[in-house]
């Protein structure tokens, strides 16, 4: 089981701030594929992953990063400075 967290407009599109996901995904991209296959709201949230960032156990990562040993995956839009 992995905790999946959603922030900003990702959370708005999916309608959840967080969920526990049972997954066989090897990478973040595989996890996204599993989520998108669930329902249209996930497909909408992940329609353009180039507009998203991902963190594994609170460390920035890439979508091809392995999930082995990861407890938490967070999806969020890029941060803007100001």
C-alpha atoms as a PDB file:
ATOM      1  CA  UNK A   1       0.000   0.000   0.000  1.00  0.00           C
ATOM      2  CA  UNK A   2       1.148   3.499  -0.872  1.00  0.00           C
ATOM      3  CA  UNK A   3      -0.258   6.803   0.366  1.00  0.00           C
ATOM      4  CA  UNK A   4      -1.001   9.022  -2.628  1.00  0.00           C
ATOM      5  CA  UNK A   5      -1.406  12.741  -1.970  1.00  0.00           C
ATOM      6  CA  UNK A   6      -2.914  15.273  -4.356  1.00  0.00           C
ATOM      7  CA  UNK A   7      -2.361  19.036  -4.142  1.00  0.00           C
ATOM      8  CA  UNK A   8      -3.869  22.170  -5.717  1.00  0.00           C
ATOM      9  CA  UNK A   9      -5.822  21.587  -8.960  1.00  0.00           C
ATOM     10  CA  UNK A  10      -4.887  17.887  -8.965  1.00  0.00           C
ATOM     11  CA  UNK A  11      -6.837  17.500  -5.713  1.00  0.00           C
ATOM     12  CA  UNK A  12      -9.716  19.560  -7.125  1.00  0.00           C
ATOM     13  CA  UNK A  13     -10.035  17.365 -10.218  1.00  0.00           C
ATOM     14  CA  UNK A  14      -9.822  14.072  -8.325  1.00  0.00           C
ATOM     15  CA  UNK A  15     -11.881  15.266  -5.372  1.00  0.00           C
ATOM     16  CA  UNK A  16      -9.598  13.771  -2.713  1.00  0.00           C
ATOM     17  CA  UNK A  17      -6.616  15.163  -0.815  1.00  0.00           C
ATOM     18  CA  UNK A  18      -5.185  11.696  -0.123  1.00  0.00           C
ATOM     19  CA  UNK A  19      -5.868   7.995  -0.555  1.00  0.00           C
ATOM     20  CA  UNK A  20      -4.228   4.651   0.117  1.00  0.00           C
ATOM     21  CA  UNK A  21      -3.578   2.743  -3.085  1.00  0.00           C
ATOM     22  CA  UNK A  22      -2.763  -0.920  -3.467  1.00  0.00           C
ATOM     23  CA  UNK A  23      -0.553  -1.115  -6.526  1.00  0.00           C
ATOM     24  CA  UNK A  24       1.734  -3.397  -8.460  1.00  0.00           C
ATOM     25  CA  UNK A  25       3.258  -0.378 -10.259  1.00  0.00           C
ATOM     26  CA  UNK A  26       7.026  -0.452 -10.684  1.00  0.00           C
ATOM     27  CA  UNK A  27       7.403   3.271 -11.426  1.00  0.00           C
ATOM     28  CA  UNK A  28       5.523   6.518 -10.890  1.00  0.00           C
ATOM     29  CA  UNK A  29       4.426   6.430 -14.556  1.00  0.00           C
ATOM     30  CA  UNK A  30       2.985   2.931 -14.030  1.00  0.00           C
ATOM     31  CA  UNK A  31       1.058   4.196 -11.002  1.00  0.00           C
ATOM     32  CA  UNK A  32      -0.334   7.079 -13.064  1.00  0.00           C
ATOM     33  CA  UNK A  33      -1.489   4.575 -15.712  1.00  0.00           C
ATOM     34  CA  UNK A  34      -3.286   2.539 -13.032  1.00  0.00           C
ATOM     35  CA  UNK A  35      -4.982   5.645 -11.630  1.00  0.00           C
ATOM     36  CA  UNK A  36      -6.027   6.947 -15.055  1.00  0.00           C
ATOM     37  CA  UNK A  37      -7.624   3.570 -15.828  1.00  0.00           C
ATOM     38  CA  UNK A  38      -9.839   3.890 -12.721  1.00  0.00           C
ATOM     39  CA  UNK A  39     -12.128   6.802 -13.590  1.00  0.00           C
ATOM     40  CA  UNK A  40     -12.458   9.868 -15.790  1.00  0.00           C
ATOM     41  CA  UNK A  41     -11.578  12.224 -12.931  1.00  0.00           C
ATOM     42  CA  UNK A  42      -8.108  10.662 -12.684  1.00  0.00           C
ATOM     43  CA  UNK A  43      -7.727  10.843 -16.464  1.00  0.00           C
ATOM     44  CA  UNK A  44      -8.559  14.557 -16.256  1.00  0.00           C
ATOM     45  CA  UNK A  45      -6.067  15.166 -13.460  1.00  0.00           C
ATOM     46  CA  UNK A  46      -3.246  13.326 -15.232  1.00  0.00           C
ATOM     47  CA  UNK A  47      -4.073  14.367 -18.812  1.00  0.00           C
ATOM     48  CA  UNK A  48      -0.847  16.363 -19.088  1.00  0.00           C
ATOM     49  CA  UNK A  49       1.823  15.016 -16.759  1.00  0.00           C
ATOM     50  CA  UNK A  50       4.283  17.580 -18.092  1.00  0.00           C
ATOM     51  CA  UNK A  51       2.235  20.056 -16.012  1.00  0.00           C
ATOM     52  CA  UNK A  52       2.855  17.997 -12.855  1.00  0.00           C
ATOM     53  CA  UNK A  53       5.625  17.342 -10.404  1.00  0.00           C
ATOM     54  CA  UNK A  54       5.974  14.285  -8.195  1.00  0.00           C
ATOM     55  CA  UNK A  55       7.630  13.660  -4.848  1.00  0.00           C
ATOM     56  CA  UNK A  56       8.440  10.252  -3.389  1.00  0.00           C
ATOM     57  CA  UNK A  57       8.634  10.252   0.417  1.00  0.00           C
ATOM     58  CA  UNK A  58       8.878  14.074   0.225  1.00  0.00           C
ATOM     59  CA  UNK A  59      11.812  14.070  -2.235  1.00  0.00           C
ATOM     60  CA  UNK A  60      11.323  15.450  -5.749  1.00  0.00           C
ATOM     61  CA  UNK A  61      11.463  12.674  -8.334  1.00  0.00           C
ATOM     62  CA  UNK A  62      10.837  11.936 -11.999  1.00  0.00           C
ATOM     63  CA  UNK A  63       7.943   9.943 -13.430  1.00  0.00           C
ATOM     64  CA  UNK A  64      10.312   7.087 -14.346  1.00  0.00           C
ATOM     65  CA  UNK A  65      11.459   6.752 -10.707  1.00  0.00           C
ATOM     66  CA  UNK A  66      10.983   3.298  -9.140  1.00  0.00           C
ATOM     67  CA  UNK A  67       8.382   2.848  -6.395  1.00  0.00           C
ATOM     68  CA  UNK A  68      10.152   0.014  -4.542  1.00  0.00           C
ATOM     69  CA  UNK A  69      10.175   0.865  -0.835  1.00  0.00           C
ATOM     70  CA  UNK A  70       8.258   4.123  -1.309  1.00  0.00           C
ATOM     71  CA  UNK A  71       5.575   4.880   1.287  1.00  0.00           C
ATOM     72  CA  UNK A  72       4.207   8.176  -0.056  1.00  0.00           C
ATOM     73  CA  UNK A  73       3.703   9.638  -3.532  1.00  0.00           C
ATOM     74  CA  UNK A  74       2.606  13.267  -3.899  1.00  0.00           C
ATOM     75  CA  UNK A  75       1.402  14.907  -7.120  1.00  0.00           C
ATOM     76  CA  UNK A  76       1.335  18.698  -7.450  1.00  0.00           C
ATOM     77  CA  UNK A  77       1.698  21.475 -10.028  1.00  0.00           C
ATOM     78  CA  UNK A  78       5.066  23.231 -10.309  1.00  0.00           C
ATOM     79  CA  UNK A  79       5.689  25.802  -7.589  1.00  0.00           C
ATOM     80  CA  UNK A  80       5.949  29.389  -8.669  1.00  0.00           C
ATOM     81  CA  UNK A  81       8.141  31.887  -6.888  1.00  0.00           C
ATOM     82  CA  UNK A  82       7.069  35.307  -5.861  1.00  0.00           C
END
